[in-house]
């Protein structure tokens, strides 16, 4: 395949997809870091009845 015939829209689609994935991973990491103090407070303090509806399972597994 010649470089002139290469479809540049495929390259752009790949680049946008990759940047979207990086953005999702960054947001997920920042969310986990922000929720960590809440998670630790629910373990350490007698607020477990207030924290029972927060889905912490698997959130901090990585």
PDB file of N, CA and C in Angstrom:
ATOM      1  N   UNK A   1       0.844  -1.168   0.000  1.00  0.00           N
ATOM      2  CA  UNK A   1       0.000   0.000   0.000  1.00  0.00           C
ATOM      3  C   UNK A   1       0.891   1.233   0.000  1.00  0.00           C
ATOM      4  N   UNK A   2       0.620   2.103  -0.862  1.00  0.00           N
ATOM      5  CA  UNK A   2       1.384   3.332  -0.972  1.00  0.00           C
ATOM      6  C   UNK A   2       0.974   4.310   0.130  1.00  0.00           C
ATOM      7  N   UNK A   3       1.913   5.132   0.545  1.00  0.00           N
ATOM      8  CA  UNK A   3       1.637   6.100   1.607  1.00  0.00           C
ATOM      9  C   UNK A   3       0.629   7.151   1.140  1.00  0.00           C
ATOM     10  N   UNK A   4       0.627   7.453  -0.148  1.00  0.00           N
ATOM     11  CA  UNK A   4      -0.319   8.432  -0.668  1.00  0.00           C
ATOM     12  C   UNK A   4      -1.743   7.909  -0.623  1.00  0.00           C
ATOM     13  N   UNK A   5      -1.903   6.593  -0.743  1.00  0.00           N
ATOM     14  CA  UNK A   5      -3.243   6.004  -0.731  1.00  0.00           C
ATOM     15  C   UNK A   5      -3.733   5.714   0.696  1.00  0.00           C
ATOM     16  N   UNK A   6      -2.882   5.929   1.679  1.00  0.00           N
ATOM     17  CA  UNK A   6      -3.249   5.614   3.053  1.00  0.00           C
ATOM     18  C   UNK A   6      -4.358   6.545   3.523  1.00  0.00           C
ATOM     19  N   UNK A   7      -5.320   5.976   4.171  1.00  0.00           N
ATOM     20  CA  UNK A   7      -6.479   6.737   4.621  1.00  0.00           C
ATOM     21  C   UNK A   7      -6.152   7.467   5.923  1.00  0.00           C
ATOM     22  N   UNK A   8      -6.045   8.774   5.846  1.00  0.00           N
ATOM     23  CA  UNK A   8      -5.676   9.566   7.019  1.00  0.00           C
ATOM     24  C   UNK A   8      -6.786   9.600   8.059  1.00  0.00           C
ATOM     25  N   UNK A   9      -8.020   9.342   7.656  1.00  0.00           N
ATOM     26  CA  UNK A   9      -9.108   9.326   8.630  1.00  0.00           C
ATOM     27  C   UNK A   9      -8.944   8.166   9.608  1.00  0.00           C
ATOM     28  N   UNK A  10      -8.335   7.069   9.163  1.00  0.00           N
ATOM     29  CA  UNK A  10      -8.083   5.952  10.066  1.00  0.00           C
ATOM     30  C   UNK A  10      -7.056   6.334  11.129  1.00  0.00           C
ATOM     31  N   UNK A  11      -6.053   7.094  10.715  1.00  0.00           N
ATOM     32  CA  UNK A  11      -5.040   7.551  11.667  1.00  0.00           C
ATOM     33  C   UNK A  11      -5.674   8.497  12.682  1.00  0.00           C
ATOM     34  N   UNK A  12      -6.515   9.413  12.208  1.00  0.00           N
ATOM     35  CA  UNK A  12      -7.180  10.338  13.117  1.00  0.00           C
ATOM     36  C   UNK A  12      -8.122   9.606  14.059  1.00  0.00           C
ATOM     37  N   UNK A  13      -8.857   8.629  13.565  1.00  0.00           N
ATOM     38  CA  UNK A  13      -9.764   7.859  14.415  1.00  0.00           C
ATOM     39  C   UNK A  13      -8.991   7.105  15.488  1.00  0.00           C
ATOM     40  N   UNK A  14      -7.859   6.536  15.121  1.00  0.00           N
ATOM     41  CA  UNK A  14      -7.025   5.838  16.093  1.00  0.00           C
ATOM     42  C   UNK A  14      -6.503   6.809  17.154  1.00  0.00           C
ATOM     43  N   UNK A  15      -6.047   7.987  16.711  1.00  0.00           N
ATOM     44  CA  UNK A  15      -5.500   8.974  17.652  1.00  0.00           C
ATOM     45  C   UNK A  15      -6.575   9.465  18.614  1.00  0.00           C
ATOM     46  N   UNK A  16      -7.769   9.749  18.113  1.00  0.00           N
ATOM     47  CA  UNK A  16      -8.849  10.201  18.990  1.00  0.00           C
ATOM     48  C   UNK A  16      -9.278   9.092  19.948  1.00  0.00           C
ATOM     49  N   UNK A  17      -9.325   7.867  19.473  1.00  0.00           N
ATOM     50  CA  UNK A  17      -9.669   6.744  20.341  1.00  0.00           C
ATOM     51  C   UNK A  17      -8.649   6.549  21.443  1.00  0.00           C
ATOM     52  N   UNK A  18      -7.381   6.662  21.089  1.00  0.00           N
ATOM     53  CA  UNK A  18      -6.316   6.505  22.070  1.00  0.00           C
ATOM     54  C   UNK A  18      -6.358   7.633  23.103  1.00  0.00           C
ATOM     55  N   UNK A  19      -6.575   8.852  22.652  1.00  0.00           N
ATOM     56  CA  UNK A  19      -6.639   9.969  23.597  1.00  0.00           C
ATOM     57  C   UNK A  19      -7.865   9.860  24.495  1.00  0.00           C
ATOM     58  N   UNK A  20      -8.973   9.348  23.983  1.00  0.00           N
ATOM     59  CA  UNK A  20     -10.164   9.152  24.813  1.00  0.00           C
ATOM     60  C   UNK A  20      -9.911   8.101  25.888  1.00  0.00           C
ATOM     61  N   UNK A  21      -9.223   7.034  25.530  1.00  0.00           N
ATOM     62  CA  UNK A  21      -8.902   5.998  26.509  1.00  0.00           C
ATOM     63  C   UNK A  21      -7.970   6.530  27.594  1.00  0.00           C
ATOM     64  N   UNK A  22      -6.991   7.312  27.203  1.00  0.00           N
ATOM     65  CA  UNK A  22      -6.077   7.910  28.177  1.00  0.00           C
ATOM     66  C   UNK A  22      -6.851   8.842  29.108  1.00  0.00           C
ATOM     67  N   UNK A  23      -7.759   9.612  28.556  1.00  0.00           N
ATOM     68  CA  UNK A  23      -8.581  10.507  29.371  1.00  0.00           C
ATOM     69  C   UNK A  23      -9.456   9.750  30.357  1.00  0.00           C
ATOM     70  N   UNK A  24     -10.069   8.656  29.912  1.00  0.00           N
ATOM     71  CA  UNK A  24     -10.897   7.842  30.810  1.00  0.00           C
ATOM     72  C   UNK A  24     -10.056   7.259  31.934  1.00  0.00           C
ATOM     73  N   UNK A  25      -8.863   6.769  31.611  1.00  0.00           N
ATOM     74  CA  UNK A  25      -7.989   6.198  32.638  1.00  0.00           C
ATOM     75  C   UNK A  25      -7.563   7.260  33.651  1.00  0.00           C
ATOM     76  N   UNK A  26      -7.273   8.462  33.177  1.00  0.00           N
ATOM     77  CA  UNK A  26      -6.877   9.548  34.069  1.00  0.00           C
ATOM     78  C   UNK A  26      -8.025   9.933  35.000  1.00  0.00           C
ATOM     79  N   UNK A  27      -9.226  10.048  34.451  1.00  0.00           N
ATOM     80  CA  UNK A  27     -10.387  10.396  35.268  1.00  0.00           C
ATOM     81  C   UNK A  27     -10.664   9.310  36.291  1.00  0.00           C
ATOM     82  N   UNK A  28     -10.536   8.043  35.898  1.00  0.00           N
ATOM     83  CA  UNK A  28     -10.758   6.943  36.833  1.00  0.00           C
ATOM     84  C   UNK A  28      -9.736   6.975  37.964  1.00  0.00           C
ATOM     85  N   UNK A  29      -8.478   7.242  37.634  1.00  0.00           N
ATOM     86  CA  UNK A  29      -7.439   7.299  38.662  1.00  0.00           C
ATOM     87  C   UNK A  29      -7.673   8.458  39.627  1.00  0.00           C
ATOM     88  N   UNK A  30      -8.022   9.619  39.089  1.00  0.00           N
ATOM     89  CA  UNK A  30      -8.268  10.777  39.950  1.00  0.00           C
ATOM     90  C   UNK A  30      -9.496  10.562  40.827  1.00  0.00           C
ATOM     91  N   UNK A  31     -10.509   9.890  40.305  1.00  0.00           N
ATOM     92  CA  UNK A  31     -11.702   9.599  41.095  1.00  0.00           C
ATOM     93  C   UNK A  31     -11.366   8.656  42.235  1.00  0.00           C
ATOM     94  N   UNK A  32     -10.574   7.622  41.956  1.00  0.00           N
ATOM     95  CA  UNK A  32     -10.169   6.690  43.007  1.00  0.00           C
ATOM     96  C   UNK A  32      -9.360   7.403  44.073  1.00  0.00           C
ATOM     97  N   UNK A  33      -8.457   8.274  43.671  1.00  0.00           N
ATOM     98  CA  UNK A  33      -7.652   9.009  44.635  1.00  0.00           C
ATOM     99  C   UNK A  33      -8.516   9.940  45.481  1.00  0.00           C
ATOM    100  N   UNK A  34      -9.542  10.531  44.879  1.00  0.00           N
ATOM    101  CA  UNK A  34     -10.422  11.435  45.622  1.00  0.00           C
ATOM    102  C   UNK A  34     -11.320  10.665  46.585  1.00  0.00           C
ATOM    103  N   UNK A  35     -11.714   9.457  46.234  1.00  0.00           N
ATOM    104  CA  UNK A  35     -12.605   8.669  47.087  1.00  0.00           C
ATOM    105  C   UNK A  35     -11.878   7.899  48.173  1.00  0.00           C
ATOM    106  N   UNK A  36     -10.569   7.801  48.087  1.00  0.00           N
ATOM    107  CA  UNK A  36      -9.817   7.031  49.073  1.00  0.00           C
ATOM    108  C   UNK A  36     -10.006   7.554  50.501  1.00  0.00           C
ATOM    109  N   UNK A  37      -9.944   8.860  50.755  1.00  0.00           N
ATOM    110  CA  UNK A  37     -10.191   9.324  52.126  1.00  0.00           C
ATOM    111  C   UNK A  37     -11.592   8.986  52.631  1.00  0.00           C
ATOM    112  N   UNK A  38     -12.582   9.038  51.750  1.00  0.00           N
ATOM    113  CA  UNK A  38     -13.950   8.673  52.138  1.00  0.00           C
ATOM    114  C   UNK A  38     -14.004   7.198  52.492  1.00  0.00           C
ATOM    115  N   UNK A  39     -13.350   6.384  51.698  1.00  0.00           N
ATOM    116  CA  UNK A  39     -13.305   4.951  51.943  1.00  0.00           C
ATOM    117  C   UNK A  39     -12.640   4.653  53.281  1.00  0.00           C
ATOM    118  N   UNK A  40     -11.524   5.297  53.564  1.00  0.00           N
ATOM    119  CA  UNK A  40     -10.820   5.074  54.820  1.00  0.00           C
ATOM    120  C   UNK A  40     -11.623   5.590  56.013  1.00  0.00           C
ATOM    121  N   UNK A  41     -12.339   6.688  55.824  1.00  0.00           N
ATOM    122  CA  UNK A  41     -13.175   7.213  56.903  1.00  0.00           C
ATOM    123  C   UNK A  41     -14.308   6.255  57.230  1.00  0.00           C
ATOM    124  N   UNK A  42     -14.834   5.596  56.224  1.00  0.00           N
ATOM    125  CA  UNK A  42     -15.919   4.641  56.456  1.00  0.00           C
ATOM    126  C   UNK A  42     -15.418   3.406  57.194  1.00  0.00           C
ATOM    127  N   UNK A  43     -14.151   3.093  57.045  1.00  0.00           N
ATOM    128  CA  UNK A  43     -13.585   1.947  57.763  1.00  0.00           C
ATOM    129  C   UNK A  43     -13.256   2.336  59.202  1.00  0.00           C
ATOM    130  N   UNK A  44     -12.645   3.510  59.386  1.00  0.00           N
ATOM    131  CA  UNK A  44     -12.123   3.911  60.687  1.00  0.00           C
ATOM    132  C   UNK A  44     -13.188   4.475  61.623  1.00  0.00           C
ATOM    133  N   UNK A  45     -14.172   5.129  61.096  1.00  0.00           N
ATOM    134  CA  UNK A  45     -15.154   5.803  61.935  1.00  0.00           C
ATOM    135  C   UNK A  45     -16.436   4.982  62.045  1.00  0.00           C
ATOM    136  N   UNK A  46     -17.225   5.250  63.054  1.00  0.00           N
ATOM    137  CA  UNK A  46     -18.502   4.525  63.175  1.00  0.00           C
ATOM    138  C   UNK A  46     -19.577   5.096  62.255  1.00  0.00           C
ATOM    139  N   UNK A  47     -19.201   5.379  61.018  1.00  0.00           N
ATOM    140  CA  UNK A  47     -20.149   5.901  60.024  1.00  0.00           C
ATOM    141  C   UNK A  47     -20.527   4.834  59.006  1.00  0.00           C
ATOM    142  N   UNK A  48     -20.300   3.586  59.351  1.00  0.00           N
ATOM    143  CA  UNK A  48     -20.521   2.528  58.378  1.00  0.00           C
ATOM    144  C   UNK A  48     -21.972   2.465  57.926  1.00  0.00           C
ATOM    145  N   UNK A  49     -22.912   2.873  58.767  1.00  0.00           N
ATOM    146  CA  UNK A  49     -24.310   2.875  58.347  1.00  0.00           C
ATOM    147  C   UNK A  49     -24.554   3.924  57.263  1.00  0.00           C
ATOM    148  N   UNK A  50     -23.812   5.039  57.335  1.00  0.00           N
ATOM    149  CA  UNK A  50     -23.948   6.072  56.304  1.00  0.00           C
ATOM    150  C   UNK A  50     -23.245   5.679  55.007  1.00  0.00           C
ATOM    151  N   UNK A  51     -22.210   4.853  55.112  1.00  0.00           N
ATOM    152  CA  UNK A  51     -21.385   4.503  53.965  1.00  0.00           C
ATOM    153  C   UNK A  51     -21.807   3.186  53.303  1.00  0.00           C
ATOM    154  N   UNK A  52     -22.839   2.554  53.800  1.00  0.00           N
ATOM    155  CA  UNK A  52     -23.180   1.234  53.266  1.00  0.00           C
ATOM    156  C   UNK A  52     -23.697   1.287  51.833  1.00  0.00           C
ATOM    157  N   UNK A  53     -24.196   2.427  51.391  1.00  0.00           N
ATOM    158  CA  UNK A  53     -24.737   2.527  50.033  1.00  0.00           C
ATOM    159  C   UNK A  53     -23.686   2.924  49.000  1.00  0.00           C
ATOM    160  N   UNK A  54     -22.455   3.186  49.438  1.00  0.00           N
ATOM    161  CA  UNK A  54     -21.389   3.568  48.518  1.00  0.00           C
ATOM    162  C   UNK A  54     -20.716   2.296  48.009  1.00  0.00           C
ATOM    163  N   UNK A  55     -20.699   2.063  46.703  1.00  0.00           N
ATOM    164  CA  UNK A  55     -20.137   0.811  46.158  1.00  0.00           C
ATOM    165  C   UNK A  55     -18.617   0.830  46.115  1.00  0.00           C
ATOM    166  N   UNK A  56     -17.960   0.487  47.226  1.00  0.00           N
ATOM    167  CA  UNK A  56     -16.507   0.473  47.283  1.00  0.00           C
ATOM    168  C   UNK A  56     -15.906  -0.840  46.795  1.00  0.00           C
ATOM    169  N   UNK A  57     -16.722  -1.882  46.613  1.00  0.00           N
ATOM    170  CA  UNK A  57     -16.180  -3.188  46.223  1.00  0.00           C
ATOM    171  C   UNK A  57     -15.450  -3.088  44.893  1.00  0.00           C
ATOM    172  N   UNK A  58     -14.219  -3.498  44.894  1.00  0.00           N
ATOM    173  CA  UNK A  58     -13.430  -3.518  43.663  1.00  0.00           C
ATOM    174  C   UNK A  58     -12.893  -2.170  43.234  1.00  0.00           C
ATOM    175  N   UNK A  59     -13.230  -1.126  43.954  1.00  0.00           N
ATOM    176  CA  UNK A  59     -12.798   0.222  43.549  1.00  0.00           C
ATOM    177  C   UNK A  59     -11.309   0.412  43.751  1.00  0.00           C
ATOM    178  N   UNK A  60     -10.761  -0.146  44.821  1.00  0.00           N
ATOM    179  CA  UNK A  60      -9.360   0.058  45.135  1.00  0.00           C
ATOM    180  C   UNK A  60      -8.560  -1.233  44.981  1.00  0.00           C
ATOM    181  N   UNK A  61      -8.976  -2.078  44.070  1.00  0.00           N
ATOM    182  CA  UNK A  61      -8.295  -3.373  43.893  1.00  0.00           C
ATOM    183  C   UNK A  61      -6.962  -3.225  43.172  1.00  0.00           C
ATOM    184  N   UNK A  62      -6.787  -2.197  42.349  1.00  0.00           N
ATOM    185  CA  UNK A  62      -5.533  -2.034  41.610  1.00  0.00           C
ATOM    186  C   UNK A  62      -4.551  -1.214  42.369  1.00  0.00           C
TER     187      UNK A  62
END
